[in-house]
Amino acid sequence: MNKKDKAQKILTYLGSNGEDWIAADCSPSGKIAYIVNGIQRKIYTYTDCNLTDSSRVVAQAVIDADFDYGNCKNILKDEQDEKCVLKNWIIS
């Protein structure tokens, strides 16, 4: 999958749905930069990271900046749920 396709999949997963709160810049070498309205700095993910991890990095940055855009809260809630299940599985 090329960078542009990967960026589009991540934008879709984040819930951009054509809204203008987030955009992707595929020009940095080895990275994808995400530009989020209201956040001064770009959020970078490495192109060799999987879709889930990349989405979580962006979602975490959005939530840390006190925004409630797209699916960001749900993405982080799902991650917490996965950690709880894994923790309970390890303890059992």
Protein backbone atom coordinates (compact mmCIF):
# COMPACT_ATOMS: atom_id res chain seq x y z
CA MET A 1 0.00 0.00 0.00
CA ASN A 2 1.44 3.39 -0.89
CA LYS A 3 1.59 6.35 1.51
CA LYS A 4 -1.38 8.14 0.00
CA ASP A 5 -3.61 5.05 0.28
CA LYS A 6 -2.47 4.43 3.85
CA ALA A 7 -3.12 8.05 4.81
CA GLN A 8 -6.60 7.87 3.30
CA LYS A 9 -7.41 4.68 5.23
CA ILE A 10 -6.26 6.28 8.47
CA LEU A 11 -8.30 9.42 7.78
CA THR A 12 -11.35 7.24 7.17
CA TYR A 13 -10.75 5.23 10.36
CA LEU A 14 -10.38 8.45 12.33
CA GLY A 15 -13.79 9.48 11.03
CA SER A 16 -12.87 12.43 8.86
CA ASN A 17 -15.70 11.57 6.42
CA GLY A 18 -14.77 14.46 4.16
CA GLU A 19 -14.80 16.92 7.05
CA ASP A 20 -12.04 19.48 7.16
CA TRP A 21 -10.79 18.96 10.75
CA ILE A 22 -7.88 16.83 9.55
CA ALA A 23 -5.68 16.52 6.48
CA ALA A 24 -2.72 14.33 5.58
CA ASP A 25 0.59 15.37 4.04
CA CYS A 26 2.50 12.49 2.46
CA SER A 27 5.54 14.52 1.44
CA PRO A 28 7.84 13.85 4.46
CA SER A 29 10.22 10.99 3.76
CA GLY A 30 9.25 7.82 5.64
CA LYS A 31 6.40 9.55 7.45
CA ILE A 32 2.88 10.83 7.05
CA ALA A 33 2.07 14.16 8.65
CA TYR A 34 -1.43 14.89 9.89
CA ILE A 35 -2.61 18.47 10.21
CA VAL A 36 -5.47 18.87 12.68
CA ASN A 37 -7.46 22.07 13.06
CA GLY A 38 -6.63 23.69 16.39
CA ILE A 39 -3.34 21.84 16.90
CA GLN A 40 -0.27 23.92 16.12
CA ARG A 41 2.14 21.09 15.37
CA LYS A 42 1.86 18.34 12.81
CA ILE A 43 1.32 14.80 14.05
CA TYR A 44 3.72 12.36 12.40
CA THR A 45 3.40 8.62 11.95
CA TYR A 46 5.96 6.37 10.32
CA THR A 47 4.95 4.72 7.08
CA ASP A 48 6.07 1.31 8.38
CA CYS A 49 3.66 1.50 11.36
CA ASN A 50 0.44 -0.47 10.95
CA LEU A 51 -2.90 1.27 10.43
CA THR A 52 -4.13 0.65 13.98
CA ASP A 53 -1.03 2.07 15.68
CA SER A 54 -0.93 5.07 13.36
CA SER A 55 -4.61 5.82 14.01
CA ARG A 56 -4.04 5.57 17.76
CA VAL A 57 -1.11 8.01 17.65
CA VAL A 58 -3.22 10.61 15.87
CA ALA A 59 -6.28 9.96 18.05
CA GLN A 60 -4.20 10.34 21.22
CA ALA A 61 -2.78 13.67 20.03
CA VAL A 62 -6.28 14.94 19.23
CA ILE A 63 -7.65 13.93 22.65
CA ASP A 64 -4.56 15.29 24.45
CA ALA A 65 -5.29 18.64 22.80
CA ASP A 66 -8.83 18.51 24.28
CA PHE A 67 -10.64 18.07 20.98
CA ASP A 68 -13.45 15.64 20.27
CA TYR A 69 -13.10 15.04 16.54
CA GLY A 70 -14.32 12.04 14.57
CA ASN A 71 -13.80 8.62 16.13
CA CYS A 72 -10.81 9.60 18.27
CA LYS A 73 -12.45 8.92 21.64
CA ASN A 74 -13.80 5.57 20.43
CA ILE A 75 -10.39 4.55 19.08
CA LEU A 76 -8.76 5.18 22.45
CA LYS A 77 -11.61 3.51 24.34
CA ASP A 78 -11.20 0.41 22.15
CA GLU A 79 -7.48 0.42 22.92
CA GLN A 80 -8.18 0.57 26.67
CA ASP A 81 -10.70 -2.28 26.35
CA GLU A 82 -8.11 -4.38 24.52
CA LYS A 83 -5.55 -3.73 27.26
CA CYS A 84 -8.05 -4.76 29.96
CA VAL A 85 -8.90 -7.99 28.15
CA LEU A 86 -5.23 -8.78 27.66
CA LYS A 87 -4.43 -8.00 31.29
CA ASN A 88 -7.29 -10.26 32.48
CA TRP A 89 -6.16 -13.02 30.12
CA ILE A 90 -2.60 -12.86 31.42
CA ILE A 91 -3.77 -12.95 35.06
CA SER A 92 -6.06 -15.96 34.48
